[in-house]
N, C-alpha and C. Protein backbone atom coordinates (compact mmCIF):
# COMPACT_ATOMS: atom_id res chain seq x y z
N PRO A 1 3.94 -3.00 30.65
CA PRO A 1 5.52 -3.18 30.10
C PRO A 1 5.22 -2.28 28.62
N ASN A 2 6.97 -1.93 28.67
CA ASN A 2 7.40 -1.57 27.69
C ASN A 2 7.92 -2.52 26.95
N ALA A 3 7.78 -1.95 25.44
CA ALA A 3 8.71 -3.18 24.50
C ALA A 3 9.40 -2.69 23.99
N GLU A 4 10.90 -3.17 23.32
CA GLU A 4 12.79 -3.52 22.89
C GLU A 4 12.34 -3.66 22.22
N GLY A 5 12.98 -3.27 21.47
CA GLY A 5 14.09 -3.86 20.32
C GLY A 5 13.11 -4.80 19.12
N ALA A 6 12.56 -4.19 17.41
CA ALA A 6 11.92 -4.65 16.87
C ALA A 6 12.89 -5.95 15.99
N VAL A 7 11.49 -7.14 15.30
CA VAL A 7 12.67 -8.29 15.37
C VAL A 7 11.74 -8.15 14.33
N GLY A 8 11.21 -8.61 13.40
CA GLY A 8 10.98 -9.05 11.64
C GLY A 8 10.35 -10.31 11.56
N MET A 9 9.39 -10.57 10.74
CA MET A 9 9.50 -11.79 10.66
C MET A 9 9.06 -12.74 9.68
N PHE A 10 8.94 -13.92 9.07
CA PHE A 10 8.46 -13.87 7.50
C PHE A 10 7.57 -15.29 7.46
N TRP A 11 5.60 -14.11 8.27
CA TRP A 11 5.18 -15.79 7.66
C TRP A 11 5.58 -16.28 9.62
N ASN A 12 6.31 -15.81 11.05
CA ASN A 12 6.43 -16.92 11.79
C ASN A 12 7.64 -17.08 11.42
N ALA A 13 8.58 -16.52 11.00
CA ALA A 13 9.54 -17.41 11.15
C ALA A 13 10.16 -16.79 11.35
N SER A 14 10.88 -16.15 12.36
CA SER A 14 12.21 -15.21 12.98
C SER A 14 12.89 -14.98 12.59
N TRP A 15 13.67 -13.73 11.39
CA TRP A 15 15.01 -13.89 10.74
C TRP A 15 15.80 -12.34 11.07
N TRP A 16 15.64 -11.47 11.69
CA TRP A 16 16.11 -11.19 12.02
C TRP A 16 16.02 -9.86 13.79
N ARG A 17 17.03 -9.68 14.01
CA ARG A 17 16.54 -9.60 15.65
C ARG A 17 17.85 -7.66 16.14
N GLY A 18 16.88 -7.44 16.18
CA GLY A 18 17.22 -5.49 16.93
C GLY A 18 18.40 -5.85 17.40
N GLY A 19 19.71 -5.64 17.36
CA GLY A 19 20.77 -5.09 17.98
C GLY A 19 20.74 -4.16 19.47
N GLY A 20 22.22 -4.55 20.35
CA GLY A 20 22.24 -3.37 21.00
C GLY A 20 23.25 -2.79 19.97
N GLY A 21 23.63 -1.70 21.53
CA GLY A 21 25.02 -1.21 20.61
C GLY A 21 25.25 -0.35 19.83
N GLU A 22 26.54 -0.46 18.85
CA GLU A 22 26.73 0.48 17.72
C GLU A 22 25.88 0.23 16.63
N LYS A 23 26.01 -0.81 17.03
CA LYS A 23 25.71 -2.06 15.34
C LYS A 23 24.16 -1.73 15.57
N ARG A 24 22.99 -1.04 16.15
CA ARG A 24 22.27 -0.51 16.16
C ARG A 24 21.90 0.81 15.64
N GLU A 25 22.21 1.11 16.59
CA GLU A 25 22.87 2.46 16.46
C GLU A 25 23.00 2.76 14.81
N LYS A 26 23.80 2.29 14.02
CA LYS A 26 24.39 2.31 13.28
C LYS A 26 23.36 1.77 12.12
N GLY A 27 21.92 1.57 12.78
CA GLY A 27 21.24 0.93 11.60
C GLY A 27 20.29 2.28 12.46
N ILE A 28 19.60 2.82 12.90
CA ILE A 28 18.26 3.26 13.44
C ILE A 28 19.62 4.58 11.88
N ARG A 29 20.18 4.95 12.36
CA ARG A 29 20.73 6.47 11.71
C ARG A 29 20.54 5.69 10.36
N SER A 30 20.55 4.85 9.44
CA SER A 30 20.57 5.03 8.09
C SER A 30 19.38 4.84 7.68
N ALA A 31 17.94 4.21 8.83
CA ALA A 31 17.08 3.98 8.77
C ALA A 31 16.37 5.90 8.45
N ARG A 32 17.26 6.86 8.74
CA ARG A 32 15.72 7.70 9.29
C ARG A 32 16.79 8.48 7.94
N ARG A 33 17.97 8.10 6.88
CA ARG A 33 17.92 8.46 6.12
C ARG A 33 17.09 8.19 5.12
N ARG A 34 16.72 6.93 5.28
CA ARG A 34 15.55 6.58 4.26
C ARG A 34 14.50 7.06 4.07
N LYS A 35 13.98 7.40 2.96
CA LYS A 35 12.15 7.30 2.91
C LYS A 35 11.60 5.82 3.40
N ARG A 36 10.93 7.45 4.22
CA ARG A 36 9.68 5.97 5.18
C ARG A 36 8.43 6.13 4.99
N GLU A 37 7.84 4.95 5.61
CA GLU A 37 6.92 4.92 5.09
C GLU A 37 6.00 5.90 6.22
N LYS A 38 4.91 5.98 6.44
CA LYS A 38 3.73 6.27 7.22
C LYS A 38 3.11 5.03 8.27
N ILE A 39 3.37 5.68 9.47
CA ILE A 39 2.98 4.62 10.55
C ILE A 39 1.98 4.67 11.03
N SER A 40 0.20 3.76 11.06
CA SER A 40 0.00 4.09 11.33
C SER A 40 -0.37 3.53 12.99
N VAL A 41 -0.71 3.58 14.38
CA VAL A 41 -0.11 2.63 15.24
C VAL A 41 -1.97 3.34 16.02
N ILE A 42 -2.26 1.85 16.00
CA ILE A 42 -3.48 1.57 16.82
C ILE A 42 -3.86 1.24 17.79
N VAL A 43 -4.52 1.48 18.95
CA VAL A 43 -5.08 1.68 20.30
C VAL A 43 -6.32 1.36 20.01
N PRO A 44 -6.99 0.25 21.05
CA PRO A 44 -7.59 -0.92 21.25
C PRO A 44 -8.13 0.11 22.51
N THR A 45 -8.83 0.56 22.97
CA THR A 45 -9.02 0.58 24.50
C THR A 45 -10.96 0.37 24.64
N LEU A 46 -10.50 -0.14 25.95
CA LEU A 46 -12.05 -0.24 27.28
C LEU A 46 -11.93 0.67 28.23
N ASN A 47 -12.12 2.08 28.95
CA ASN A 47 -12.06 1.55 30.16
C ASN A 47 -10.80 2.33 30.89
N GLU A 48 -9.92 2.63 29.94
CA GLU A 48 -8.56 2.71 29.72
C GLU A 48 -7.63 4.18 30.24
N ALA A 49 -8.49 4.81 30.69
CA ALA A 49 -8.35 6.78 31.32
C ALA A 49 -7.18 6.30 31.69
N GLY A 50 -6.58 5.05 32.13
CA GLY A 50 -5.53 5.61 33.53
C GLY A 50 -4.09 5.62 33.45
N SER A 51 -3.95 5.32 31.39
CA SER A 51 -3.06 4.59 31.34
C SER A 51 -2.42 4.73 29.89
N VAL A 52 -3.82 5.22 28.64
CA VAL A 52 -3.96 5.71 27.16
C VAL A 52 -3.03 7.05 26.93
N GLU A 53 -2.40 8.58 28.19
CA GLU A 53 -1.98 9.18 28.00
C GLU A 53 -1.09 8.51 27.46
N LYS A 54 -0.65 7.38 28.28
CA LYS A 54 1.86 7.27 28.09
C LYS A 54 1.79 6.66 26.91
N ALA A 55 -0.01 5.81 26.80
CA ALA A 55 0.33 4.56 25.59
C ALA A 55 0.59 5.89 24.42
N ILE A 56 -0.20 6.80 24.46
CA ILE A 56 -0.27 7.63 23.22
C ILE A 56 1.63 8.57 23.14
N ARG A 57 1.64 8.86 24.18
CA ARG A 57 2.75 9.83 24.11
C ARG A 57 3.78 8.83 23.74
N SER A 58 4.35 7.35 23.76
CA SER A 58 5.20 6.77 23.73
C SER A 58 5.43 7.24 21.73
N ALA A 59 3.65 6.72 21.22
CA ALA A 59 3.67 6.64 20.23
C ALA A 59 4.42 7.64 19.26
N ARG A 60 4.24 9.69 20.62
CA ARG A 60 5.17 10.83 19.44
C ARG A 60 6.00 10.12 19.65
N ARG A 61 6.92 9.53 20.81
CA ARG A 61 8.59 9.63 21.27
C ARG A 61 8.70 9.18 18.96
N THR A 62 9.29 9.92 18.34
CA THR A 62 9.58 9.26 17.36
C THR A 62 11.09 10.20 16.98
N THR A 63 11.39 9.66 15.47
CA THR A 63 12.25 10.59 14.98
C THR A 63 11.77 11.70 14.00
N ARG A 64 12.54 12.70 14.32
CA ARG A 64 12.57 14.31 13.54
C ARG A 64 12.05 13.92 12.18
N GLY A 65 11.42 14.18 11.46
CA GLY A 65 11.15 13.78 9.94
C GLY A 65 9.40 12.75 10.31
N ALA A 66 9.14 11.76 10.76
CA ALA A 66 8.50 10.40 11.32
C ALA A 66 7.41 11.20 11.01
N GLN A 67 6.64 9.77 10.55
CA GLN A 67 5.68 10.62 9.84
C GLN A 67 4.19 9.99 10.49
N VAL A 68 4.16 10.07 11.60
CA VAL A 68 2.92 8.73 12.24
C VAL A 68 1.51 9.63 12.87
N GLU A 69 0.19 8.40 12.76
CA GLU A 69 -0.72 8.46 12.95
C GLU A 69 -1.34 8.04 14.55
N VAL A 70 -2.29 8.33 15.57
CA VAL A 70 -2.26 7.13 16.30
C VAL A 70 -4.19 7.14 15.84
N ILE A 71 -4.42 6.05 16.34
CA ILE A 71 -5.68 6.20 16.20
C ILE A 71 -6.86 5.20 17.08
N VAL A 72 -6.97 5.99 17.99
CA VAL A 72 -7.41 5.02 19.22
C VAL A 72 -8.89 4.78 19.42
N VAL A 73 -9.47 2.83 19.39
CA VAL A 73 -10.42 2.15 18.53
C VAL A 73 -11.33 1.71 20.26
N ASP A 74 -12.84 2.65 20.28
CA ASP A 74 -13.12 2.84 21.51
C ASP A 74 -14.02 1.46 21.50
N GLY A 75 -14.31 0.74 22.76
CA GLY A 75 -15.09 -0.34 22.43
C GLY A 75 -16.09 0.23 24.61
N GLY A 76 -16.42 0.99 23.87
CA GLY A 76 -17.63 1.61 24.80
C GLY A 76 -17.04 2.50 26.10
N SER A 77 -16.01 2.57 26.55
CA SER A 77 -15.57 3.31 27.64
C SER A 77 -16.75 4.49 28.46
N GLU A 78 -17.08 3.93 29.43
CA GLU A 78 -17.62 4.64 30.39
C GLU A 78 -16.74 5.34 31.44
N ASP A 79 -14.83 5.68 31.78
CA ASP A 79 -14.70 7.18 32.04
C ASP A 79 -14.19 7.61 31.11
N ALA A 80 -13.57 8.35 31.09
CA ALA A 80 -12.14 9.48 30.14
C ALA A 80 -11.28 9.00 29.48
N THR A 81 -11.46 7.50 29.10
CA THR A 81 -10.12 7.30 28.06
C THR A 81 -10.56 8.48 26.65
N VAL A 82 -11.99 8.24 26.54
CA VAL A 82 -11.81 9.29 24.51
C VAL A 82 -11.97 10.35 24.78
N LYS A 83 -11.71 10.67 25.56
CA LYS A 83 -11.25 12.73 26.67
C LYS A 83 -10.20 12.78 26.42
N ARG A 84 -9.35 12.20 27.41
CA ARG A 84 -8.15 12.16 26.95
C ARG A 84 -6.90 11.85 26.18
N ALA A 85 -8.15 10.30 25.70
CA ALA A 85 -6.74 10.86 23.29
C ALA A 85 -7.63 11.06 23.05
N ARG A 86 -8.31 11.96 22.34
CA ARG A 86 -8.52 13.15 21.91
C ARG A 86 -7.85 14.34 22.00
N SER A 87 -7.52 14.87 23.32
CA SER A 87 -6.70 15.36 23.67
C SER A 87 -5.30 16.11 23.61
N LEU A 88 -4.99 14.49 23.00
CA LEU A 88 -3.80 14.19 23.01
C LEU A 88 -3.43 14.58 21.28
N GLY A 89 -4.72 14.55 20.46
CA GLY A 89 -4.61 14.82 18.72
C GLY A 89 -4.94 12.85 18.59
N ALA A 90 -5.73 12.26 18.71
CA ALA A 90 -5.38 10.79 18.44
C ALA A 90 -7.18 10.69 18.13
N LYS A 91 -6.49 10.09 17.10
CA LYS A 91 -7.87 9.97 16.22
C LYS A 91 -9.24 9.12 16.34
N ILE A 92 -10.35 8.96 16.87
CA ILE A 92 -10.80 8.35 17.96
C ILE A 92 -11.73 7.53 16.28
N VAL A 93 -12.26 6.82 17.01
CA VAL A 93 -13.07 5.79 16.36
C VAL A 93 -13.50 4.56 17.41
N ARG A 94 -15.01 4.52 16.90
CA ARG A 94 -16.14 4.20 18.21
C ARG A 94 -16.20 2.64 17.13
N SER A 95 -16.08 1.79 17.99
CA SER A 95 -16.74 0.17 17.94
C SER A 95 -17.15 -0.81 18.96
N GLY A 96 -17.38 -1.86 18.36
CA GLY A 96 -18.24 -2.59 19.39
C GLY A 96 -16.92 -2.85 20.43
N ARG A 97 -16.71 -4.16 21.58
CA ARG A 97 -16.24 -4.23 22.12
C ARG A 97 -14.92 -6.00 21.43
N GLY A 98 -14.35 -5.96 21.70
CA GLY A 98 -13.17 -6.74 21.79
C GLY A 98 -12.22 -6.70 20.89
N ARG A 99 -10.85 -7.33 21.69
CA ARG A 99 -9.43 -6.17 21.33
C ARG A 99 -9.75 -6.71 19.39
N GLY A 100 -9.79 -7.88 18.64
CA GLY A 100 -10.05 -8.32 17.68
C GLY A 100 -10.63 -7.47 17.06
N LEU A 101 -11.88 -7.35 17.45
CA LEU A 101 -12.92 -6.35 16.12
C LEU A 101 -11.90 -5.36 15.85
N GLN A 102 -11.59 -4.48 17.80
CA GLN A 102 -11.19 -3.61 17.12
C GLN A 102 -10.26 -2.72 16.41
N GLN A 103 -9.16 -3.46 16.87
CA GLN A 103 -7.94 -3.41 15.83
C GLN A 103 -8.21 -3.58 15.25
N ASP A 104 -9.39 -4.97 14.00
CA ASP A 104 -8.95 -4.25 12.29
C ASP A 104 -9.88 -3.28 12.26
N MET A 105 -11.39 -2.65 12.78
CA MET A 105 -11.69 -0.85 12.85
C MET A 105 -10.46 -0.51 12.41
N GLY A 106 -9.07 -0.60 13.16
CA GLY A 106 -9.07 0.33 13.42
C GLY A 106 -7.28 0.75 12.16
N SER A 107 -7.41 -0.82 11.20
CA SER A 107 -6.89 -0.84 10.45
C SER A 107 -7.76 -0.95 9.79
N LYS A 108 -8.52 -0.82 9.35
CA LYS A 108 -9.45 -0.10 8.23
C LYS A 108 -9.20 1.98 7.60
N ALA A 109 -10.00 2.17 9.13
CA ALA A 109 -9.64 3.76 9.45
C ALA A 109 -8.61 4.12 8.97
N ALA A 110 -6.84 3.63 8.86
CA ALA A 110 -5.87 3.66 9.62
C ALA A 110 -5.00 4.23 7.27
N THR A 111 -4.25 5.39 7.76
CA THR A 111 -4.34 6.27 6.63
C THR A 111 -2.56 5.16 5.33
N GLY A 112 -1.74 4.90 6.36
CA GLY A 112 -0.40 4.52 7.01
C GLY A 112 -0.67 3.08 5.79
N ASN A 113 0.70 3.61 5.86
CA ASN A 113 1.18 1.50 4.90
C ASN A 113 1.45 0.68 6.23
N LEU A 114 2.11 1.24 7.04
CA LEU A 114 2.44 0.52 7.87
C LEU A 114 1.81 0.17 9.46
N LEU A 115 1.69 -0.63 9.81
CA LEU A 115 0.25 -0.50 10.60
C LEU A 115 1.08 -1.43 12.35
N LEU A 116 0.84 -0.55 13.60
CA LEU A 116 1.87 -0.87 14.99
C LEU A 116 0.00 -0.79 15.09
N PHE A 117 -0.12 -2.10 16.36
CA PHE A 117 -1.29 -2.21 17.26
C PHE A 117 0.31 -1.79 18.34
N LEU A 118 -1.05 -1.25 18.85
CA LEU A 118 -0.52 -0.84 20.72
C LEU A 118 -1.20 -1.09 21.57
N HIS A 119 -1.17 -1.81 22.84
CA HIS A 119 -2.22 -2.41 23.55
C HIS A 119 -1.83 -1.10 24.72
N ALA A 120 -3.28 -0.53 24.97
CA ALA A 120 -3.31 1.11 25.95
C ALA A 120 -2.63 0.48 27.09
N ASP A 121 -1.94 -0.21 27.72
CA ASP A 121 -0.53 -0.07 28.88
C ASP A 121 -0.06 -0.20 28.50
N THR A 122 -0.05 -0.56 27.61
CA THR A 122 1.72 -0.78 26.64
C THR A 122 2.89 0.33 26.77
N GLU A 123 3.50 0.66 26.74
CA GLU A 123 4.97 1.95 25.77
C GLU A 123 5.64 1.92 24.79
N LEU A 124 5.61 2.20 24.01
CA LEU A 124 6.51 2.70 22.77
C LEU A 124 8.09 2.39 23.32
N PRO A 125 9.35 1.76 22.48
CA PRO A 125 10.63 2.45 23.04
C PRO A 125 10.79 4.40 21.88
N ARG A 126 11.44 4.19 22.60
CA ARG A 126 12.19 6.08 21.86
C ARG A 126 12.38 5.47 20.19
N ARG A 127 12.63 5.90 19.64
CA ARG A 127 13.07 5.95 17.86
C ARG A 127 12.04 4.95 17.31
N TYR A 128 11.42 4.48 18.20
CA TYR A 128 10.66 2.74 17.43
C TYR A 128 10.36 2.92 15.94
N ASP A 129 9.93 4.53 15.23
CA ASP A 129 9.62 4.27 14.26
C ASP A 129 11.06 4.20 13.30
N SER A 130 11.70 4.62 13.35
CA SER A 130 12.94 3.53 12.89
C SER A 130 13.69 2.50 13.01
N MET A 131 13.20 1.92 14.10
CA MET A 131 13.57 0.15 14.31
C MET A 131 12.63 -0.58 13.45
N ILE A 132 11.40 0.01 13.65
CA ILE A 132 10.54 -1.07 12.48
C ILE A 132 10.80 -0.60 10.92
N HIS A 133 11.37 1.11 10.72
CA HIS A 133 11.79 1.23 8.72
C HIS A 133 13.26 0.25 9.26
N GLU A 134 13.81 0.42 9.79
CA GLU A 134 15.00 -0.76 9.60
C GLU A 134 14.61 -2.38 9.34
N VAL A 135 13.34 -2.73 10.02
CA VAL A 135 13.38 -4.01 10.23
C VAL A 135 12.63 -4.30 8.69
N PHE A 136 11.76 -3.53 7.82
CA PHE A 136 11.26 -3.02 6.65
C PHE A 136 12.66 -3.14 5.37
N TRP A 137 13.90 -2.48 6.03
CA TRP A 137 14.57 -2.06 5.12
C TRP A 137 15.99 -3.44 5.04
N ASN A 138 15.80 -3.98 6.13
CA ASN A 138 16.72 -5.55 5.90
C ASN A 138 16.19 -6.02 4.73
N ALA A 139 14.51 -6.32 5.52
CA ALA A 139 13.42 -7.42 5.04
C ALA A 139 13.58 -7.64 3.14
N SER A 140 14.10 -5.80 2.23
CA SER A 140 14.04 -5.78 0.93
C SER A 140 15.13 -6.20 -0.02
N ARG A 141 16.10 -6.10 1.37
CA ARG A 141 17.17 -6.65 0.31
C ARG A 141 17.17 -7.77 0.08
N HIS A 142 16.10 -9.32 0.55
CA HIS A 142 16.17 -10.27 0.65
C HIS A 142 15.00 -11.66 -0.43
N ARG A 143 13.84 -10.31 0.26
CA ARG A 143 12.26 -10.26 -0.34
C ARG A 143 11.90 -9.25 -0.16
N ASP A 144 10.38 -9.42 -1.09
CA ASP A 144 9.30 -9.04 -1.54
C ASP A 144 9.63 -8.63 0.69
N ALA A 145 9.20 -6.83 1.07
CA ALA A 145 9.29 -6.43 2.27
C ALA A 145 7.58 -6.56 2.57
N LYS A 146 6.82 -6.68 1.68
CA LYS A 146 5.35 -5.71 2.15
C LYS A 146 4.53 -6.97 2.18
N HIS A 147 5.60 -8.37 2.58
CA HIS A 147 4.50 -9.40 2.64
C HIS A 147 5.47 -9.67 4.33
N ILE A 148 5.71 -8.98 5.17
CA ILE A 148 6.75 -8.90 6.46
C ILE A 148 5.84 -8.25 7.66
N TRP A 149 6.06 -9.18 8.39
CA TRP A 149 5.64 -8.37 9.74
C TRP A 149 5.65 -8.86 11.51
N GLY A 150 6.15 -8.48 12.19
CA GLY A 150 7.16 -8.55 13.07
C GLY A 150 6.55 -8.01 13.76
N ALA A 151 7.16 -7.86 15.00
CA ALA A 151 6.32 -7.04 16.56
C ALA A 151 8.34 -7.26 17.87
N PHE A 152 7.56 -6.33 19.03
CA PHE A 152 9.12 -6.00 19.55
C PHE A 152 9.78 -6.95 19.66
N GLY A 153 10.38 -7.80 20.53
CA GLY A 153 11.65 -8.79 20.75
C GLY A 153 11.61 -9.20 22.37
N GLU A 154 10.98 -7.57 22.98
CA GLU A 154 11.19 -7.88 24.81
C GLU A 154 9.99 -7.48 25.32
N LEU A 155 9.74 -8.13 26.64
CA LEU A 155 8.54 -6.94 27.45
C LEU A 155 9.57 -5.97 28.53
N GLY A 156 10.02 -4.53 28.46
CA GLY A 156 10.81 -4.64 29.63
C GLY A 156 9.98 -4.07 30.64
N ILE A 157 9.79 -5.41 31.18
CA ILE A 157 8.66 -5.19 32.72
C ILE A 157 9.89 -4.90 33.53
N ARG A 158 9.22 -4.01 34.39
CA ARG A 158 10.10 -2.82 35.37
C ARG A 158 10.03 -3.11 36.64
N SER A 159 9.61 -4.30 36.92
CA SER A 159 9.27 -5.25 38.36
C SER A 159 11.23 -5.83 38.34
N LYS A 160 12.35 -6.18 39.51
CA LYS A 160 12.80 -6.74 39.34
C LYS A 160 12.52 -8.36 40.41
N GLY A 161 11.25 -8.51 40.44
CA GLY A 161 10.57 -9.17 41.08
C GLY A 161 11.55 -10.97 40.15
N PRO A 162 11.94 -12.01 40.91
CA PRO A 162 12.45 -12.93 40.04
C PRO A 162 10.44 -13.35 39.29
N LEU A 163 9.92 -13.63 39.71
CA LEU A 163 8.60 -14.11 38.74
C LEU A 163 8.69 -13.40 37.72
N LEU A 164 8.50 -12.28 37.48
CA LEU A 164 8.91 -11.57 35.97
C LEU A 164 10.09 -11.53 35.80
N ARG A 165 10.92 -11.89 36.15
CA ARG A 165 12.28 -11.71 35.21
C ARG A 165 11.83 -13.06 34.64
N CYS A 166 10.94 -13.99 34.68
CA CYS A 166 10.96 -15.26 34.57
C CYS A 166 10.38 -14.98 33.30
N VAL A 167 9.24 -14.64 33.83
CA VAL A 167 8.17 -14.38 32.49
C VAL A 167 8.48 -13.38 31.78
N GLU A 168 9.04 -12.18 31.15
CA GLU A 168 10.08 -12.43 30.53
C GLU A 168 11.50 -12.27 29.81
N PHE A 169 12.09 -13.16 30.63
CA PHE A 169 13.17 -14.28 29.54
C PHE A 169 11.95 -15.39 28.78
N GLY A 170 11.40 -15.93 29.03
CA GLY A 170 10.32 -16.47 28.96
C GLY A 170 9.57 -16.14 27.58
N VAL A 171 8.66 -14.79 27.60
CA VAL A 171 8.80 -13.93 26.31
C VAL A 171 9.64 -13.61 25.55
N LYS A 172 10.78 -13.67 26.41
CA LYS A 172 11.92 -13.44 24.76
C LYS A 172 12.42 -13.89 24.17
N GLN A 173 12.26 -15.41 24.39
CA GLN A 173 12.74 -16.67 24.25
C GLN A 173 11.74 -17.89 22.55
N ARG A 174 10.89 -17.41 23.47
CA ARG A 174 9.81 -18.05 22.86
C ARG A 174 9.18 -17.01 21.32
N THR A 175 9.74 -15.32 21.19
CA THR A 175 10.10 -14.64 20.42
C THR A 175 11.27 -15.64 19.79
N LYS A 176 12.47 -15.17 19.91
CA LYS A 176 13.57 -15.40 19.48
C LYS A 176 12.82 -16.66 18.89
N TYR A 177 12.74 -17.82 18.90
CA TYR A 177 13.15 -19.25 18.65
C TYR A 177 11.38 -19.68 17.83
N LEU A 178 10.28 -19.27 18.09
CA LEU A 178 8.99 -19.78 17.53
C LEU A 178 8.39 -18.81 17.17
N GLY A 179 8.70 -17.55 16.87
CA GLY A 179 8.26 -16.65 15.81
C GLY A 179 6.78 -16.25 16.37
N MET A 180 6.76 -16.12 18.26
CA MET A 180 5.45 -15.87 18.52
C MET A 180 5.35 -14.98 19.50
N PRO A 181 5.17 -14.14 19.06
CA PRO A 181 4.99 -12.60 20.17
C PRO A 181 3.76 -12.48 20.38
N TYR A 182 3.27 -12.56 21.77
CA TYR A 182 2.46 -12.05 22.29
C TYR A 182 1.93 -9.94 21.93
N GLY A 183 0.31 -10.66 21.97
CA GLY A 183 0.04 -8.92 21.67
C GLY A 183 1.18 -7.64 22.72
N ASP A 184 1.16 -8.00 23.31
CA ASP A 184 2.00 -6.39 24.81
C ASP A 184 3.11 -6.91 23.42
N GLN A 185 3.63 -7.28 22.71
CA GLN A 185 5.64 -7.18 22.13
C GLN A 185 4.35 -6.29 20.99
N CYS A 186 3.19 -5.63 20.62
CA CYS A 186 2.80 -4.35 19.40
C CYS A 186 3.73 -5.28 17.98
N HIS A 187 2.69 -6.16 17.40
CA HIS A 187 2.19 -6.48 16.33
C HIS A 187 2.29 -5.34 14.87
N PHE A 188 3.77 -5.35 14.31
CA PHE A 188 3.18 -4.43 13.15
C PHE A 188 3.39 -5.00 11.83
N PHE A 189 2.31 -5.07 10.91
CA PHE A 189 2.72 -5.55 9.74
C PHE A 189 2.90 -4.05 8.22
N HIS A 190 3.06 -4.32 7.25
CA HIS A 190 2.35 -4.07 6.05
C HIS A 190 1.22 -4.14 5.80
N ARG A 191 0.66 -2.65 5.10
CA ARG A 191 -1.20 -2.77 4.92
C ARG A 191 -1.01 -3.99 4.10
N LYS A 192 0.27 -4.56 3.22
CA LYS A 192 -0.64 -5.58 2.29
C LYS A 192 -0.85 -7.43 2.57
N ALA A 193 0.54 -7.31 3.77
CA ALA A 193 0.14 -7.97 4.86
C ALA A 193 -0.61 -8.55 5.06
N TYR A 194 -1.27 -7.43 6.68
CA TYR A 194 -2.25 -7.63 7.01
C TYR A 194 -3.64 -8.81 6.72
N GLN A 195 -4.07 -6.94 5.72
CA GLN A 195 -4.57 -7.75 4.29
C GLN A 195 -4.72 -9.04 3.83
N GLU A 196 -3.35 -9.48 3.74
CA GLU A 196 -3.43 -11.58 3.02
C GLU A 196 -3.60 -11.64 3.81
N SER A 197 -3.58 -11.20 5.06
CA SER A 197 -3.93 -12.39 6.19
C SER A 197 -4.75 -12.38 6.29
N GLY A 198 -5.79 -11.42 6.35
CA GLY A 198 -7.28 -11.59 6.95
C GLY A 198 -7.57 -10.66 8.00
N GLY A 199 -6.76 -10.29 8.78
CA GLY A 199 -6.75 -9.38 9.84
C GLY A 199 -7.27 -9.87 10.47
N TYR A 200 -6.96 -9.08 11.59
CA TYR A 200 -7.27 -10.56 12.93
C TYR A 200 -8.63 -10.27 13.20
N LYS A 201 -8.85 -11.54 13.68
CA LYS A 201 -10.31 -11.92 13.81
C LYS A 201 -11.46 -11.49 14.72
N HIS A 202 -12.45 -11.44 14.81
CA HIS A 202 -13.22 -10.61 15.46
C HIS A 202 -13.59 -11.32 16.69
N ILE A 203 -12.52 -11.73 17.20
CA ILE A 203 -12.90 -12.92 18.66
C ILE A 203 -12.28 -11.97 20.11
N PRO A 204 -13.21 -12.93 20.31
CA PRO A 204 -12.92 -11.53 22.25
C PRO A 204 -11.94 -11.64 23.34
N PHE A 205 -11.14 -12.73 23.10
CA PHE A 205 -10.00 -12.66 23.27
C PHE A 205 -9.11 -13.69 22.54
N MET A 206 -7.52 -13.73 22.66
CA MET A 206 -6.88 -14.28 22.28
C MET A 206 -5.93 -14.22 20.53
N GLU A 207 -7.15 -13.33 20.39
CA GLU A 207 -6.79 -12.79 18.83
C GLU A 207 -5.35 -12.52 18.42
N ASP A 208 -3.61 -12.16 19.51
CA ASP A 208 -3.32 -12.95 18.75
C ASP A 208 -2.44 -13.61 18.84
N TYR A 209 -2.70 -14.43 19.30
CA TYR A 209 -2.45 -16.22 19.35
C TYR A 209 -2.97 -16.75 17.95
N ASP A 210 -4.07 -15.93 17.66
CA ASP A 210 -4.63 -16.95 16.35
C ASP A 210 -3.77 -16.10 14.90
N MET A 211 -3.73 -14.21 15.72
CA MET A 211 -2.80 -14.24 14.46
C MET A 211 -1.60 -14.98 14.08
N VAL A 212 -0.52 -14.81 14.98
CA VAL A 212 0.65 -15.48 15.06
C VAL A 212 0.43 -16.71 14.76
N HIS A 213 -0.26 -17.72 14.77
CA HIS A 213 -0.14 -18.97 14.67
C HIS A 213 -0.63 -19.28 13.14
N ARG A 214 -1.16 -17.87 11.60
CA ARG A 214 -1.91 -18.11 10.70
C ARG A 214 -0.14 -18.57 10.01
């Protein structure tokens, strides 16, 4: 899936949605002009050779001057995942298996103040960095931006089938009204918020569900 439209949250309370058209473009241009913090994009992998390159390339589609590092946390792949990730300049971290564990290991290896967790089968939208910085800038006018987390508000499912369209609509409503985005929507945090939350638990699955319910 493709993640689209950043959403900012204060501990599960949805408060701002990246809109479309002229308003969104103005926000992105404004975010470009402000000092931007480094983003660490953390990608947990296990035999993801068929998709990891697209994920990493999407993380490189940033606005000019963006500070971004890509960290691939591999859980013991037996295919070409690590080789392909390294060829694209990603930092490689070895880990035990389990997405929660891998994502938490990536957070410890990260050098950026903004942490973004990207599933290997998901692609980020172009200029995602400006969207994220816009979320934090908008929040800083109301309260401490270091206590914010967020995700992208929609999944851009390429298929036009009615069933998948219903899934896409359900994800959008769940995020908007319940403040409960799935991990595929690329959770992002200020480092301080991530640390104070306790980070992702080292559980084999549903780590995203656990995180958004805290």
